[in-house]
C-alpha cells in the first residue's frame, strides 16, 4: 500500500510538472485536453497546486455549448 501512495504522489507531481510546462508555452488547457494529454482527471486540483506555488493562472470559461474552464498562465 505504501508503494501505491508514493507512486500516486509521484504521478501527481509529474502531471503538475507536465501541465506547467505546457502552460509555459502560452497555450491554454481545458480539462478534456488535460485528460487526453496528461491522463489528468483533476485539472482544477493541479491548477490549485500551481497557484499555491505562486503561478498566476487565469481561468476563462467557454460560453458556447457545454460550459467548461480553460486555464492559461499569465506572466
N, C-alpha and C. Protein backbone atom coordinates (compact mmCIF):
# COMPACT_ATOMS: atom_id res chain seq x y z
N UNK A 1 0.82 -1.20 0.00
CA UNK A 1 0.00 0.00 0.00
C UNK A 1 0.86 1.26 0.00
N UNK A 2 1.93 1.25 0.77
CA UNK A 2 2.80 2.43 0.85
C UNK A 2 3.40 2.76 -0.51
N UNK A 3 3.82 1.74 -1.26
CA UNK A 3 4.36 1.99 -2.60
C UNK A 3 3.32 2.61 -3.50
N UNK A 4 2.07 2.19 -3.34
CA UNK A 4 1.00 2.74 -4.15
C UNK A 4 0.80 4.23 -3.86
N UNK A 5 0.85 4.62 -2.60
CA UNK A 5 0.70 6.03 -2.22
C UNK A 5 1.87 6.83 -2.77
N UNK A 6 3.09 6.33 -2.63
CA UNK A 6 4.27 7.01 -3.14
C UNK A 6 4.19 7.14 -4.66
N UNK A 7 3.79 6.08 -5.31
CA UNK A 7 3.64 6.10 -6.76
C UNK A 7 2.62 7.14 -7.18
N UNK A 8 1.51 7.24 -6.44
CA UNK A 8 0.47 8.21 -6.75
C UNK A 8 0.99 9.63 -6.57
N UNK A 9 1.75 9.89 -5.49
CA UNK A 9 2.32 11.22 -5.26
C UNK A 9 3.25 11.61 -6.40
N UNK A 10 4.07 10.67 -6.86
CA UNK A 10 4.98 10.97 -7.97
C UNK A 10 4.20 11.25 -9.24
N UNK A 11 3.11 10.53 -9.44
CA UNK A 11 2.29 10.75 -10.62
C UNK A 11 1.67 12.14 -10.60
N UNK A 12 1.20 12.58 -9.43
CA UNK A 12 0.63 13.92 -9.32
C UNK A 12 1.68 14.98 -9.59
N UNK A 13 2.88 14.79 -9.07
CA UNK A 13 3.98 15.74 -9.32
C UNK A 13 4.31 15.76 -10.81
N UNK A 14 4.35 14.60 -11.43
CA UNK A 14 4.64 14.51 -12.86
C UNK A 14 3.57 15.22 -13.68
N UNK A 15 2.30 15.00 -13.32
CA UNK A 15 1.20 15.69 -14.01
C UNK A 15 1.34 17.19 -13.84
N UNK A 16 1.60 17.63 -12.63
CA UNK A 16 1.72 19.06 -12.35
C UNK A 16 2.86 19.66 -13.16
N UNK A 17 3.99 18.98 -13.20
CA UNK A 17 5.14 19.48 -13.97
C UNK A 17 4.83 19.52 -15.47
N UNK A 18 4.15 18.50 -15.96
CA UNK A 18 3.79 18.45 -17.39
C UNK A 18 2.81 19.56 -17.74
N UNK A 19 1.84 19.78 -16.85
CA UNK A 19 0.85 20.84 -17.07
C UNK A 19 1.52 22.20 -17.05
N UNK A 20 2.41 22.42 -16.10
CA UNK A 20 3.13 23.70 -16.03
C UNK A 20 3.95 23.92 -17.30
N UNK A 21 4.67 22.91 -17.74
CA UNK A 21 5.47 23.05 -18.96
C UNK A 21 4.59 23.40 -20.15
N UNK A 22 3.44 22.76 -20.25
CA UNK A 22 2.51 23.04 -21.34
C UNK A 22 2.02 24.48 -21.27
N UNK A 23 1.60 24.92 -20.09
CA UNK A 23 1.09 26.28 -19.94
C UNK A 23 2.17 27.32 -20.20
N UNK A 24 3.42 26.99 -19.90
CA UNK A 24 4.52 27.94 -20.13
C UNK A 24 4.77 28.19 -21.61
N UNK A 25 4.20 27.39 -22.49
CA UNK A 25 4.33 27.62 -23.93
C UNK A 25 3.35 28.68 -24.42
N UNK A 26 2.45 29.15 -23.51
CA UNK A 26 1.49 30.18 -23.88
C UNK A 26 0.15 29.65 -24.33
N UNK A 27 -0.01 28.34 -24.33
CA UNK A 27 -1.27 27.74 -24.74
C UNK A 27 -2.21 27.60 -23.54
N UNK A 28 -3.51 27.56 -23.82
CA UNK A 28 -4.49 27.32 -22.77
C UNK A 28 -4.73 25.81 -22.66
N UNK A 29 -5.35 25.42 -21.55
CA UNK A 29 -5.57 23.99 -21.31
C UNK A 29 -6.96 23.80 -20.69
N UNK A 30 -7.73 22.89 -21.26
CA UNK A 30 -9.05 22.54 -20.73
C UNK A 30 -8.97 21.17 -20.04
N UNK A 31 -9.97 20.84 -19.23
CA UNK A 31 -9.95 19.53 -18.57
C UNK A 31 -9.91 18.35 -19.54
N UNK A 32 -10.62 18.43 -20.64
CA UNK A 32 -10.61 17.34 -21.62
C UNK A 32 -9.22 17.20 -22.26
N UNK A 33 -8.60 18.33 -22.57
CA UNK A 33 -7.23 18.30 -23.12
C UNK A 33 -6.26 17.70 -22.11
N UNK A 34 -6.41 18.07 -20.83
CA UNK A 34 -5.53 17.55 -19.78
C UNK A 34 -5.70 16.04 -19.63
N UNK A 35 -6.93 15.58 -19.74
CA UNK A 35 -7.19 14.14 -19.65
C UNK A 35 -6.51 13.41 -20.81
N UNK A 36 -6.68 13.93 -22.02
CA UNK A 36 -6.10 13.29 -23.20
C UNK A 36 -4.57 13.36 -23.24
N UNK A 37 -4.01 14.49 -22.84
CA UNK A 37 -2.56 14.67 -22.95
C UNK A 37 -1.78 14.15 -21.76
N UNK A 38 -2.34 14.33 -20.55
CA UNK A 38 -1.57 14.03 -19.34
C UNK A 38 -2.23 12.99 -18.44
N UNK A 39 -3.34 12.40 -18.91
CA UNK A 39 -4.08 11.43 -18.11
C UNK A 39 -4.48 12.02 -16.75
N UNK A 40 -4.83 13.30 -16.76
CA UNK A 40 -5.15 14.05 -15.54
C UNK A 40 -6.67 14.22 -15.44
N UNK A 41 -7.26 13.56 -14.44
CA UNK A 41 -8.69 13.66 -14.23
C UNK A 41 -9.09 14.88 -13.42
N UNK A 42 -8.16 15.46 -12.67
CA UNK A 42 -8.48 16.58 -11.76
C UNK A 42 -7.61 17.80 -12.09
N UNK A 43 -7.82 18.37 -13.26
CA UNK A 43 -7.02 19.52 -13.68
C UNK A 43 -7.17 20.68 -12.70
N UNK A 44 -8.37 20.92 -12.21
CA UNK A 44 -8.59 22.02 -11.25
C UNK A 44 -7.71 21.88 -10.02
N UNK A 45 -7.53 20.65 -9.54
CA UNK A 45 -6.68 20.42 -8.37
C UNK A 45 -5.21 20.70 -8.69
N UNK A 46 -4.76 20.29 -9.87
CA UNK A 46 -3.36 20.56 -10.25
C UNK A 46 -3.15 22.06 -10.44
N UNK A 47 -4.14 22.76 -11.00
CA UNK A 47 -4.05 24.21 -11.16
C UNK A 47 -3.97 24.87 -9.78
N UNK A 48 -4.78 24.39 -8.85
CA UNK A 48 -4.74 24.90 -7.48
C UNK A 48 -3.36 24.72 -6.87
N UNK A 49 -2.76 23.56 -7.08
CA UNK A 49 -1.40 23.30 -6.58
C UNK A 49 -0.40 24.30 -7.16
N UNK A 50 -0.52 24.56 -8.45
CA UNK A 50 0.40 25.51 -9.11
C UNK A 50 0.18 26.93 -8.59
N UNK A 51 -1.06 27.29 -8.37
CA UNK A 51 -1.35 28.63 -7.83
C UNK A 51 -0.75 28.78 -6.44
N UNK A 52 -0.82 27.74 -5.63
CA UNK A 52 -0.23 27.78 -4.28
C UNK A 52 1.28 27.96 -4.34
N UNK A 53 1.88 27.52 -5.45
CA UNK A 53 3.32 27.69 -5.65
C UNK A 53 3.65 29.07 -6.20
N UNK A 54 2.63 29.88 -6.46
CA UNK A 54 2.86 31.25 -6.89
C UNK A 54 2.65 31.53 -8.36
N UNK A 55 2.22 30.56 -9.13
CA UNK A 55 1.99 30.79 -10.56
C UNK A 55 0.66 31.51 -10.75
N UNK A 56 0.66 32.50 -11.63
CA UNK A 56 -0.53 33.29 -11.93
C UNK A 56 -1.26 32.65 -13.10
N UNK A 57 -2.27 31.87 -12.78
CA UNK A 57 -3.02 31.14 -13.80
C UNK A 57 -4.43 31.69 -13.84
N UNK A 58 -4.84 32.12 -15.02
CA UNK A 58 -6.16 32.71 -15.23
C UNK A 58 -7.13 31.64 -15.68
N UNK A 59 -8.36 31.74 -15.19
CA UNK A 59 -9.42 30.82 -15.60
C UNK A 59 -10.39 31.58 -16.50
N UNK A 60 -10.70 31.00 -17.64
CA UNK A 60 -11.74 31.53 -18.52
C UNK A 60 -12.75 30.42 -18.74
N UNK A 61 -13.95 30.78 -19.15
CA UNK A 61 -15.00 29.78 -19.34
C UNK A 61 -15.53 29.84 -20.76
N UNK A 62 -15.69 28.68 -21.36
CA UNK A 62 -16.33 28.55 -22.65
C UNK A 62 -17.80 28.89 -22.47
N UNK A 63 -18.33 29.77 -23.28
CA UNK A 63 -19.72 30.20 -23.11
C UNK A 63 -20.64 29.62 -24.19
N UNK A 64 -20.10 28.80 -25.07
CA UNK A 64 -20.93 28.19 -26.10
C UNK A 64 -21.05 26.70 -25.80
N UNK A 65 -22.22 26.17 -25.99
CA UNK A 65 -22.41 24.74 -25.74
C UNK A 65 -22.22 24.42 -24.27
N UNK A 66 -21.50 23.35 -23.99
CA UNK A 66 -21.23 22.96 -22.60
C UNK A 66 -20.24 23.93 -21.97
N UNK A 67 -20.48 24.25 -20.71
CA UNK A 67 -19.60 25.18 -20.00
C UNK A 67 -18.42 24.42 -19.39
N UNK A 68 -17.23 24.90 -19.67
CA UNK A 68 -16.04 24.31 -19.08
C UNK A 68 -14.96 25.37 -18.95
N UNK A 69 -14.03 25.13 -18.03
CA UNK A 69 -12.95 26.09 -17.78
C UNK A 69 -11.77 25.82 -18.71
N UNK A 70 -11.05 26.89 -19.01
CA UNK A 70 -9.76 26.81 -19.69
C UNK A 70 -8.80 27.62 -18.84
N UNK A 71 -7.59 27.14 -18.75
CA UNK A 71 -6.58 27.78 -17.91
C UNK A 71 -5.43 28.27 -18.78
N UNK A 72 -4.91 29.45 -18.43
CA UNK A 72 -3.75 30.00 -19.13
C UNK A 72 -2.83 30.66 -18.11
N UNK A 73 -1.54 30.49 -18.31
CA UNK A 73 -0.53 31.06 -17.42
C UNK A 73 -0.28 32.50 -17.82
N UNK A 74 -0.40 33.40 -16.87
CA UNK A 74 -0.12 34.81 -17.10
C UNK A 74 1.28 35.13 -16.58
N UNK A 75 1.99 35.96 -17.32
CA UNK A 75 3.37 36.31 -16.92
C UNK A 75 3.41 37.64 -16.21
